[in-house]
Protein backbone atom coordinates (compact mmCIF):
# COMPACT_ATOMS: atom_id res chain seq x y z
CA MET A 1 -103.63 36.31 144.86
CA ALA A 2 -100.59 34.08 144.51
CA ARG A 3 -97.45 35.90 143.48
CA LYS A 4 -95.84 34.93 140.22
CA LYS A 5 -92.25 33.88 140.41
CA PHE A 6 -89.62 33.12 137.84
CA ASN A 7 -86.75 30.75 138.54
CA GLN A 8 -83.44 31.22 136.84
CA GLN A 9 -81.48 28.01 137.32
CA ASN A 10 -78.30 28.15 135.36
CA ASP A 11 -76.47 25.27 137.01
CA PHE A 12 -79.23 22.82 137.94
CA PRO A 13 -78.10 19.22 137.13
CA GLY A 14 -80.44 17.32 136.29
CA LEU A 15 -83.35 13.06 104.72
CA PHE A 16 -81.42 13.86 103.14
CA ASP A 17 -77.87 12.63 102.52
CA ASP A 18 -75.31 15.35 102.47
CA PHE A 19 -72.18 14.96 100.34
CA ASN A 20 -68.81 16.45 101.18
CA VAL A 21 -65.52 16.27 99.27
CA THR A 22 -63.20 14.04 101.28
CA ALA A 23 -60.09 12.01 100.72
CA PRO A 24 -60.83 8.29 100.18
CA GLN A 25 -60.09 5.88 103.00
CA GLU A 26 -58.33 2.66 102.08
CA SER A 27 -60.78 0.62 104.12
CA VAL A 28 -63.79 2.02 102.22
CA PRO A 29 -63.93 1.08 98.50
CA VAL A 30 -65.08 3.88 96.23
CA HIS A 31 -67.78 3.03 93.71
CA PRO A 32 -66.66 3.80 90.12
CA ASP A 33 -69.72 5.97 89.49
CA ILE A 34 -68.84 8.16 92.47
CA ALA A 35 -65.24 8.44 91.37
CA ARG A 36 -66.33 9.32 87.82
CA HIS A 37 -68.72 11.97 89.16
CA ALA A 38 -65.88 13.55 91.10
CA THR A 39 -63.57 13.50 88.08
CA ASN A 40 -66.18 15.02 85.79
CA ALA A 41 -66.74 17.78 88.30
CA GLY A 42 -63.03 18.59 88.29
CA ILE A 43 -62.47 17.30 91.82
CA ASP A 44 -59.34 15.32 92.52
CA ALA A 45 -60.75 13.28 95.40
CA PRO A 46 -63.96 11.24 95.15
CA ILE A 47 -66.89 12.07 97.37
CA LYS A 48 -68.71 9.86 99.81
CA PRO A 49 -71.94 10.41 101.70
CA ASN A 50 -71.97 11.63 105.26
CA LYS A 51 -74.41 10.23 107.81
CA PRO A 52 -77.90 11.55 106.90
CA SER A 53 -79.19 14.44 108.99
CA GLU A 54 -81.67 13.40 111.65
CA ARG A 55 -85.24 14.62 111.41
CA LEU A 56 -88.64 14.35 113.05
CA LEU A 57 -92.11 15.51 112.11
CA PHE A 58 -94.21 17.71 114.39
CA MET A 59 -97.77 18.92 114.10
CA SER A 60 -100.22 20.54 116.49
CA ILE A 61 -103.79 19.27 116.05
CA GLY A 62 -105.32 21.73 118.52
CA SER A 63 -103.96 24.15 121.09
CA GLY A 64 -106.02 26.01 123.68
CA SER A 65 -108.78 25.52 126.21
CA SER A 66 -111.02 24.15 123.44
CA GLY A 67 -108.71 21.15 123.01
CA ASN A 68 -105.04 20.18 122.93
CA CYS A 69 -103.23 17.53 120.91
CA ALA A 70 -99.90 17.30 119.09
CA TYR A 71 -98.11 14.61 117.06
CA ILE A 72 -94.36 14.02 117.04
CA GLY A 73 -92.63 11.20 115.18
CA ASP A 74 -92.37 10.21 111.55
CA LYS A 75 -94.70 8.54 109.04
CA GLU A 76 -94.13 5.08 110.52
CA LYS A 77 -94.31 5.68 114.25
CA GLY A 78 -94.83 8.48 116.71
CA ILE A 79 -96.77 9.66 119.75
CA LEU A 80 -99.55 12.06 120.64
CA ILE A 81 -99.10 14.59 123.41
CA ASP A 82 -102.61 14.78 124.88
CA ALA A 83 -105.86 13.91 123.09
CA GLY A 84 -108.23 16.72 124.00
CA VAL A 85 -109.84 17.04 120.57
CA ASP A 86 -112.31 14.89 118.66
CA MET A 87 -111.05 11.57 117.28
CA LYS A 88 -112.02 12.56 113.73
CA GLN A 89 -110.00 15.76 113.99
CA ILE A 90 -106.96 13.72 114.99
CA THR A 91 -107.33 11.06 112.29
CA ASP A 92 -108.15 13.62 109.57
CA ALA A 93 -105.10 15.75 110.43
CA LEU A 94 -102.81 12.72 110.34
CA LYS A 95 -104.35 11.39 107.11
CA ALA A 96 -103.95 14.77 105.41
CA ASN A 97 -100.20 14.42 106.00
CA ASN A 98 -100.02 10.75 104.93
CA ILE A 99 -99.56 9.52 108.51
CA PRO A 100 -101.70 6.44 109.23
CA ILE A 101 -103.33 6.09 112.63
CA SER A 102 -101.30 2.89 113.01
CA ALA A 103 -98.24 5.13 113.39
CA VAL A 104 -99.53 6.42 116.73
CA LYS A 105 -98.01 4.17 119.40
CA GLY A 106 -99.32 5.97 122.46
CA ILE A 107 -100.82 9.08 124.06
CA CYS A 108 -98.73 10.91 126.67
CA LEU A 109 -101.07 12.91 128.91
CA THR A 110 -99.87 16.11 130.53
CA HIS A 111 -102.74 16.20 133.06
CA ASP A 112 -106.40 15.35 133.65
CA HIS A 113 -108.24 18.46 132.45
CA GLY A 114 -110.90 17.83 129.81
CA ASP A 115 -109.22 19.91 127.10
CA HIS A 116 -106.34 17.42 127.25
CA ILE A 117 -108.12 14.06 127.65
CA LYS A 118 -111.65 14.22 126.22
CA GLY A 119 -110.83 12.42 122.94
CA ALA A 120 -108.51 9.80 124.40
CA TYR A 121 -110.86 6.93 125.25
CA LYS A 122 -112.74 6.92 121.96
CA LEU A 123 -109.49 7.08 119.99
CA MET A 124 -108.03 4.15 121.90
CA SER A 125 -111.20 2.04 121.84
CA LYS A 126 -111.33 2.38 118.05
CA ASN A 127 -107.57 1.82 117.69
CA ARG A 128 -106.70 -0.75 120.30
CA HIS A 129 -102.96 -0.65 119.67
CA ILE A 130 -102.78 2.86 121.17
CA MET A 131 -101.93 2.97 124.89
CA LEU A 132 -102.35 5.75 127.45
CA TYR A 133 -99.21 6.92 129.26
CA CYS A 134 -99.72 8.93 132.44
CA THR A 135 -99.01 8.66 136.13
CA PRO A 136 -101.37 6.64 138.36
CA LYS A 137 -102.38 9.87 140.11
CA THR A 138 -103.36 11.43 136.79
CA LEU A 139 -105.51 8.41 135.96
CA SER A 140 -107.21 8.71 139.35
CA GLY A 141 -107.83 12.39 138.62
CA ILE A 142 -109.50 11.49 135.33
CA PHE A 143 -111.97 9.27 137.16
CA ARG A 144 -112.69 11.97 139.74
CA ARG A 145 -113.19 14.78 137.23
CA HIS A 146 -114.84 13.07 134.27
CA ASN A 147 -117.58 10.64 133.37
CA VAL A 148 -115.30 8.27 131.47
CA SER A 149 -115.48 4.51 131.06
CA ARG A 150 -113.53 2.54 133.64
CA ARG A 151 -112.28 0.48 130.73
CA ILE A 152 -109.79 3.24 130.04
CA LYS A 153 -107.69 1.39 132.62
CA ASP A 154 -107.23 -1.40 130.05
CA TYR A 155 -105.09 0.99 128.01
CA HIS A 156 -103.15 2.55 130.87
CA LYS A 157 -99.37 2.25 131.02
CA PRO A 158 -98.19 3.86 134.27
CA ILE A 159 -95.27 6.26 134.12
CA TYR A 160 -93.49 8.21 136.86
CA ARG A 161 -91.84 11.61 136.94
CA GLU A 162 -88.11 11.74 136.20
CA THR A 163 -88.16 8.06 135.17
CA PRO A 164 -87.42 7.72 131.43
CA PHE A 165 -89.45 5.26 129.36
CA ASP A 166 -89.31 4.12 125.74
CA LEU A 167 -92.21 4.61 123.33
CA GLY A 168 -92.31 4.67 119.55
CA GLY A 169 -88.55 4.88 119.24
CA PHE A 170 -88.35 7.78 121.69
CA LYS A 171 -86.80 8.09 125.12
CA ILE A 172 -89.33 10.11 127.10
CA THR A 173 -88.98 11.70 130.54
CA ALA A 174 -91.94 13.22 132.35
CA PHE A 175 -91.18 16.18 134.63
CA GLU A 176 -93.38 18.07 137.05
CA VAL A 177 -94.99 21.40 136.15
CA SER A 178 -97.08 23.71 138.33
CA HIS A 179 -100.76 23.67 137.35
CA ASP A 180 -104.10 22.97 139.02
CA GLY A 181 -104.66 19.57 137.46
CA THR A 182 -103.67 16.27 139.05
CA ASP A 183 -99.97 15.36 138.88
CA ASN A 184 -99.22 17.73 135.98
CA MET A 185 -96.37 16.81 133.65
CA GLY A 186 -94.24 18.22 130.89
CA TYR A 187 -92.25 15.91 128.63
CA PHE A 188 -88.64 15.79 127.50
CA ILE A 189 -88.53 13.72 124.31
CA GLU A 190 -85.34 12.35 122.75
CA ARG A 191 -84.65 10.47 119.54
CA GLY A 192 -81.14 10.27 118.21
CA SER A 193 -79.61 13.66 118.93
CA ILE A 194 -82.89 15.62 118.67
CA ARG A 195 -84.29 16.95 121.96
CA PHE A 196 -87.86 18.29 122.25
CA ALA A 197 -89.28 19.75 125.49
CA ILE A 198 -93.01 20.33 126.01
CA ALA A 199 -94.88 22.18 128.78
CA THR A 200 -98.44 23.10 127.86
CA ASP A 201 -100.06 24.34 131.09
CA LEU A 202 -98.00 25.86 133.90
CA GLY A 203 -98.22 28.80 136.27
CA TYR A 204 -94.50 29.56 136.48
CA ILE A 205 -91.10 28.26 135.38
CA SER A 206 -89.94 25.80 138.02
CA GLU A 207 -86.41 24.45 138.42
CA ARG A 208 -87.31 21.19 136.66
CA VAL A 209 -88.89 22.99 133.73
CA ASP A 210 -85.76 25.13 133.46
CA HIS A 211 -83.55 22.04 133.66
CA TYR A 212 -85.15 20.22 130.74
CA MET A 213 -85.89 23.22 128.54
CA ARG A 214 -82.23 24.25 128.57
CA GLN A 215 -81.31 20.94 126.91
CA ALA A 216 -83.82 21.21 124.06
CA ASP A 217 -83.35 21.93 120.37
CA TYR A 218 -87.11 22.44 120.01
CA ILE A 219 -89.60 23.69 122.60
CA MET A 220 -93.38 23.82 122.86
CA LEU A 221 -94.22 26.24 125.67
CA GLU A 222 -97.39 27.90 126.90
CA SER A 223 -97.79 31.62 126.25
CA ASN A 224 -101.34 31.88 127.49
CA TYR A 225 -102.29 35.50 128.12
CA ASP A 226 -101.41 39.17 127.91
CA ARG A 227 -101.54 40.74 131.37
CA GLN A 228 -103.16 43.98 130.21
CA MET A 229 -105.83 42.15 128.22
CA LEU A 230 -106.62 39.87 131.16
CA ALA A 231 -106.86 42.79 133.62
CA ALA A 232 -109.19 44.76 131.35
CA GLY A 233 -111.21 41.76 130.22
CA THR A 234 -114.61 40.44 131.25
CA TYR A 235 -113.49 37.35 133.17
CA PRO A 236 -114.80 37.22 136.77
CA GLU A 237 -112.23 37.99 139.43
CA TYR A 238 -112.00 34.42 140.70
CA LEU A 239 -111.08 33.21 137.20
CA LYS A 240 -108.52 35.97 136.74
CA ALA A 241 -106.98 34.97 140.08
CA ARG A 242 -106.85 31.32 139.02
CA ILE A 243 -105.06 32.22 135.78
CA LEU A 244 -102.57 34.50 137.55
CA ALA A 245 -101.74 31.99 140.30
CA ASN A 246 -98.59 29.89 140.41
CA THR A 247 -100.82 26.92 139.58
CA GLY A 248 -102.50 28.77 136.70
CA HIS A 249 -101.11 29.71 133.30
CA LEU A 250 -97.97 31.34 131.91
CA ASP A 251 -98.24 34.84 130.48
CA ASN A 252 -96.47 36.20 127.40
CA GLU A 253 -93.86 38.19 129.31
CA ASP A 254 -92.76 35.35 131.58
CA ALA A 255 -92.56 32.95 128.62
CA ALA A 256 -90.57 35.48 126.58
CA ARG A 257 -88.21 36.31 129.45
CA PHE A 258 -87.53 32.64 130.07
CA ILE A 259 -86.76 31.78 126.44
CA ALA A 260 -84.47 34.82 126.17
CA ASP A 261 -82.69 33.67 129.34
CA ILE A 262 -82.02 30.10 128.14
CA TYR A 263 -81.36 30.86 124.46
CA THR A 264 -78.26 29.39 122.83
CA PRO A 265 -77.68 28.66 119.13
CA GLN A 266 -78.72 25.07 119.90
CA LEU A 267 -82.34 26.21 120.28
CA ARG A 268 -83.89 26.22 116.82
CA HIS A 269 -87.64 26.65 117.17
CA VAL A 270 -90.13 27.64 119.86
CA PHE A 271 -93.79 26.76 119.36
CA LEU A 272 -96.10 28.93 121.46
CA CYS A 273 -99.09 26.92 122.68
CA HIS A 274 -102.33 27.28 124.64
CA LEU A 275 -102.91 30.92 123.66
CA SER A 276 -106.05 32.37 125.24
CA ASN A 277 -108.86 33.20 122.84
CA ASP A 278 -110.03 36.13 124.99
CA ASN A 279 -106.88 37.48 126.62
CA ASN A 280 -104.20 37.10 123.96
CA THR A 281 -103.48 37.22 120.24
CA PRO A 282 -100.82 35.35 118.25
CA GLU A 283 -99.36 38.69 117.18
CA ILE A 284 -98.89 39.94 120.74
CA ALA A 285 -97.37 36.63 121.93
CA VAL A 286 -94.87 36.54 119.06
CA GLU A 287 -93.99 40.22 119.43
CA LYS A 288 -93.21 39.82 123.13
CA MET A 289 -90.92 36.87 122.55
CA THR A 290 -89.25 38.35 119.48
CA THR A 291 -88.48 41.60 121.33
CA ALA A 292 -87.07 39.77 124.35
CA LEU A 293 -84.77 37.63 122.18
CA GLN A 294 -83.57 40.56 120.08
CA GLN A 295 -82.86 42.76 123.07
CA ALA A 296 -81.02 40.02 124.96
CA HIS A 297 -79.04 38.50 122.10
CA ASN A 298 -79.32 40.76 119.02
CA ILE A 299 -80.38 37.80 116.88
CA LYS A 300 -82.65 37.43 113.88
CA VAL A 301 -86.01 35.81 114.65
CA GLY A 302 -87.93 33.95 111.96
CA ASP A 303 -91.59 33.03 111.75
CA GLY A 304 -91.18 29.33 110.94
CA SER A 305 -92.64 29.82 107.45
CA GLU A 306 -89.71 28.20 105.58
CA SER A 307 -89.34 31.35 103.47
CA ILE A 308 -85.78 32.19 102.44
CA ASP A 309 -85.70 35.10 104.88
CA SER A 310 -87.05 33.03 107.75
CA ARG A 311 -84.65 30.15 107.11
CA GLN A 312 -81.74 32.57 107.46
CA SER A 313 -82.82 33.46 111.01
CA ASP A 314 -81.16 32.31 114.22
CA ILE A 315 -84.39 30.98 115.76
CA GLN A 316 -88.00 30.43 114.70
CA ILE A 317 -91.04 31.48 116.77
CA THR A 318 -94.44 30.04 115.81
CA PRO A 319 -97.83 30.43 117.53
CA LEU A 320 -99.87 27.24 117.23
CA PRO A 321 -103.46 27.58 115.96
CA ARG A 322 -106.24 27.12 118.46
CA TYR A 323 -108.95 25.23 116.60
CA GLU A 324 -107.30 23.55 113.65
CA ALA A 325 -104.18 21.60 112.86
CA SER A 326 -100.94 23.36 112.07
CA ARG A 327 -98.89 22.47 109.07
CA LEU A 328 -96.40 19.63 109.40
CA TYR A 329 -93.01 20.87 110.58
CA ILE A 330 -89.74 19.06 109.91
CA LEU A 331 -87.44 19.15 112.93
CA ARG A 332 -83.82 18.67 111.86
CA LYS A 333 -80.56 18.06 113.62
CA ASP A 334 -77.67 18.21 111.13
């Protein structure tokens, strides 16, 4: 059985307007209504708006071996990470949040397993503006593994690891992860000052995963299984060995240890994805990560619920649902 390893790489290279009271600048005329508002409020200096805080929308539409898909963007344009669920599930989830399918500018595939690609061709053939972004090796893997129309090539836009590309207003960089698919990728997604790092299937934390995750404000990371549940479970030994291998999946403890290691106040929210239905529970995954963060940093961990108590926390930890869409999350960078 392959031995798990964990890389610590600390030095690897690699809308709302807010109003503050400020003194007026001679080069910026002050509108009389603003000046009057300041006077009525008993403020000597008028107020002027700061630059609006940046924000993105994020939603998981499925997370687990039954199907994976997530949307990140806004209500005008965005991208899907994987399309491993039914087309109707994708369109219904977007429509429920007033996001038209025309907003989806492309699908970024992480790898060629069926739970990440099975809905892609139908979605694109019915919505011909949507393109498929993956490496040429991943596309070849799709043809080897699946009975899919060769016309999927008509939608393919080749990408390459560590080579940034632009899509839907984002700067996106694919980086290698260790899994048993073909040319497996995570994604580092940038728009404005917001940084989002995604790694859905991986056997261990590699140097490149570490490099990109350390830069992120928001992270979606696999927390697939609980070691004790897997050992005591009914899976055959060959499947247990595959999951435990360096090219398998990430367990709760390794995911928790890694996030605790890279945590800084810059990191706002961690979404736990690809939780096993048989060898994990959302409660166990969250408890492991919460404990690791509290022991390492003595910080308050919220549940991402937007309650007053949760919003006062230093970081949010949210397990993504397996079969249905999550709620729509607003990712902010003030």
